[in-house]
Amino acid sequence: MYPNDGFRELDRQECLRLLAMVPVGRIVHTRHALPAVLPVNFGLDRDGAVVLRTSASSELARAVDGVVVAFEADEVDAATQSGWSVVVTGAAGVVTDAGEHERLLRTGPRSWMPSPWEVFVRIEPELVTGRELAGGCSLYGVTLPF
């Protein structure tokens, strides 16, 4: 975090609690050697891992399998100038264990765009960071954007 920037740093447990409250986030990965950001619905697994459900033939499943990615979710209230943002960074991988896949079919996120052959992508939470703006932070009379 940057010192004196008006934000409060969140600990890991606060971050995971906030992530569990929202249905959509953004996965950040590399596509053709450039950053790519894709909005996705997600769920949290029992160990704090971020779990996505996508088509087995999707470009996303191929692009993130076995690589380090970032996942970000947030909630912002423009009226009160408050909100939070959480970033999970870690290795992503397609779930290949049949038992784990069956468990996630029951407990994991539901796809908003179902396809006949779906896979789960798990992002291991190696680094979890977050920050919160409690509202109305200003500097020299100018309101700072979130």
Protein backbone atom coordinates (compact mmCIF):
# COMPACT_ATOMS: atom_id res chain seq x y z
CA MET A 1 0.00 0.00 0.00
CA TYR A 2 0.98 3.58 -0.44
CA PRO A 3 1.45 5.53 2.80
CA ASN A 4 -1.11 8.22 3.64
CA ASP A 5 -3.24 7.61 0.56
CA GLY A 6 -6.55 7.69 2.47
CA PHE A 7 -7.21 3.97 2.20
CA ARG A 8 -7.27 1.36 4.93
CA GLU A 9 -5.40 -1.86 4.24
CA LEU A 10 -7.52 -5.00 4.75
CA ASP A 11 -6.19 -8.21 6.25
CA ARG A 12 -6.60 -11.58 4.53
CA GLN A 13 -9.73 -12.59 6.48
CA GLU A 14 -11.45 -9.27 5.75
CA CYS A 15 -10.59 -9.67 2.07
CA LEU A 16 -12.05 -13.17 1.87
CA ARG A 17 -15.18 -12.09 3.76
CA LEU A 18 -15.75 -9.25 1.28
CA LEU A 19 -15.08 -11.47 -1.74
CA ALA A 20 -17.77 -13.86 -0.55
CA MET A 21 -20.31 -11.01 -0.71
CA VAL A 22 -20.09 -10.27 -4.44
CA PRO A 23 -20.88 -12.49 -7.44
CA VAL A 24 -18.65 -10.96 -10.12
CA GLY A 25 -14.96 -10.13 -10.37
CA ARG A 26 -12.27 -9.78 -13.02
CA ILE A 27 -9.53 -12.23 -13.91
CA VAL A 28 -6.29 -10.70 -15.16
CA HIS A 29 -4.06 -12.86 -17.34
CA THR A 30 -1.74 -12.59 -20.32
CA ARG A 31 -3.10 -12.83 -23.86
CA HIS A 32 -0.67 -12.58 -26.75
CA ALA A 33 1.95 -11.12 -24.37
CA LEU A 34 -0.43 -8.33 -23.29
CA PRO A 35 -2.56 -7.94 -20.16
CA ALA A 36 -6.13 -9.16 -20.56
CA VAL A 37 -9.00 -8.54 -18.14
CA LEU A 38 -12.20 -10.53 -18.26
CA PRO A 39 -15.27 -10.17 -16.01
CA VAL A 40 -16.43 -13.52 -14.57
CA ASN A 41 -18.81 -14.84 -11.97
CA PHE A 42 -17.04 -16.83 -9.28
CA GLY A 43 -17.22 -18.52 -5.93
CA LEU A 44 -14.85 -19.05 -3.02
CA ASP A 45 -13.84 -22.55 -2.06
CA ARG A 46 -13.35 -23.71 1.53
CA ASP A 47 -9.61 -22.89 1.45
CA GLY A 48 -10.14 -19.35 0.14
CA ALA A 49 -9.38 -20.32 -3.45
CA VAL A 50 -11.27 -18.45 -6.16
CA VAL A 51 -13.21 -20.85 -8.38
CA LEU A 52 -14.53 -20.07 -11.86
CA ARG A 53 -16.70 -22.26 -14.08
CA THR A 54 -16.24 -22.00 -17.83
CA SER A 55 -16.55 -23.92 -21.06
CA ALA A 56 -13.92 -26.64 -21.46
CA SER A 57 -13.16 -25.24 -24.92
CA SER A 58 -12.90 -21.61 -23.82
CA GLU A 59 -9.86 -19.50 -24.53
CA LEU A 60 -9.87 -18.55 -20.84
CA ALA A 61 -9.41 -22.16 -19.66
CA ARG A 62 -6.45 -22.62 -22.01
CA ALA A 63 -4.89 -19.22 -21.24
CA VAL A 64 -4.81 -19.52 -17.44
CA ASP A 65 -4.12 -23.22 -16.88
CA GLY A 66 -0.80 -23.49 -15.05
CA VAL A 67 0.04 -19.79 -14.92
CA VAL A 68 -0.02 -17.05 -12.28
CA VAL A 69 -3.00 -14.74 -12.59
CA ALA A 70 -4.64 -11.96 -10.62
CA PHE A 71 -8.28 -11.84 -9.67
CA GLU A 72 -9.96 -8.63 -8.54
CA ALA A 73 -13.38 -7.88 -7.15
CA ASP A 74 -14.75 -4.73 -5.61
CA GLU A 75 -17.79 -2.86 -4.47
CA VAL A 76 -18.09 0.91 -4.86
CA ASP A 77 -20.77 3.34 -3.74
CA ALA A 78 -20.37 6.54 -5.74
CA ALA A 79 -22.94 8.39 -3.63
CA THR A 80 -21.01 7.92 -0.39
CA GLN A 81 -17.58 7.79 -2.07
CA SER A 82 -16.82 4.56 -0.30
CA GLY A 83 -15.92 1.05 -1.26
CA TRP A 84 -13.34 -1.69 -1.27
CA SER A 85 -11.17 -3.63 -3.66
CA VAL A 86 -9.58 -7.06 -3.18
CA VAL A 87 -6.92 -8.72 -5.33
CA VAL A 88 -6.04 -12.41 -5.18
CA THR A 89 -2.82 -13.42 -6.93
CA GLY A 90 -1.82 -17.02 -7.47
CA ALA A 91 -1.44 -19.99 -9.74
CA ALA A 92 -4.51 -20.93 -11.74
CA GLY A 93 -5.31 -24.40 -12.90
CA VAL A 94 -8.11 -26.39 -14.44
CA VAL A 95 -9.49 -28.89 -11.92
CA THR A 96 -8.72 -32.34 -13.33
CA ASP A 97 -9.44 -34.57 -10.31
CA ALA A 98 -12.79 -36.31 -10.93
CA GLY A 99 -13.80 -36.26 -7.24
CA GLU A 100 -12.99 -32.59 -6.90
CA HIS A 101 -14.88 -31.81 -10.12
CA GLU A 102 -17.96 -33.68 -8.78
CA ARG A 103 -17.77 -31.78 -5.48
CA LEU A 104 -17.56 -28.45 -7.31
CA LEU A 105 -20.56 -29.39 -9.47
CA ARG A 106 -22.54 -29.48 -6.21
CA THR A 107 -20.92 -26.61 -4.30
CA GLY A 108 -19.12 -24.43 -6.84
CA PRO A 109 -20.32 -21.44 -8.81
CA ARG A 110 -23.00 -21.81 -11.47
CA SER A 111 -22.11 -20.59 -14.92
CA TRP A 112 -24.08 -17.61 -16.18
CA MET A 113 -23.50 -18.94 -19.71
CA PRO A 114 -23.74 -22.73 -19.41
CA SER A 115 -22.15 -24.95 -22.04
CA PRO A 116 -22.33 -28.72 -22.51
CA TRP A 117 -18.74 -29.32 -21.35
CA GLU A 118 -17.67 -27.17 -18.44
CA VAL A 119 -14.55 -27.11 -16.31
CA PHE A 120 -13.65 -25.42 -13.07
CA VAL A 121 -10.62 -23.16 -12.80
CA ARG A 122 -9.11 -22.76 -9.34
CA ILE A 123 -6.92 -19.78 -8.38
CA GLU A 124 -4.80 -20.60 -5.35
CA PRO A 125 -4.74 -17.56 -2.98
CA GLU A 126 -0.99 -17.09 -2.63
CA LEU A 127 -1.24 -13.32 -2.13
CA VAL A 128 -4.47 -11.68 -0.94
CA THR A 129 -4.52 -7.90 -0.60
CA GLY A 130 -7.26 -5.35 -0.24
CA ARG A 131 -8.06 -1.82 0.66
CA GLU A 132 -11.08 0.13 1.74
CA LEU A 133 -12.11 3.75 1.35
CA ALA A 134 -14.50 4.61 4.16
CA GLY A 135 -16.06 7.57 2.35
CA GLY A 136 -15.56 11.18 1.47
CA CYS A 137 -11.76 11.21 1.47
CA SER A 138 -10.54 14.56 0.23
CA LEU A 139 -7.29 16.43 -0.05
CA TYR A 140 -7.15 20.24 -0.10
CA GLY A 141 -10.91 20.44 -0.67
CA VAL A 142 -10.83 18.21 -3.75
CA THR A 143 -12.62 14.90 -3.50
CA LEU A 144 -10.42 12.04 -4.59
CA PRO A 145 -11.88 9.45 -6.97
CA PHE A 146 -11.88 5.82 -5.83
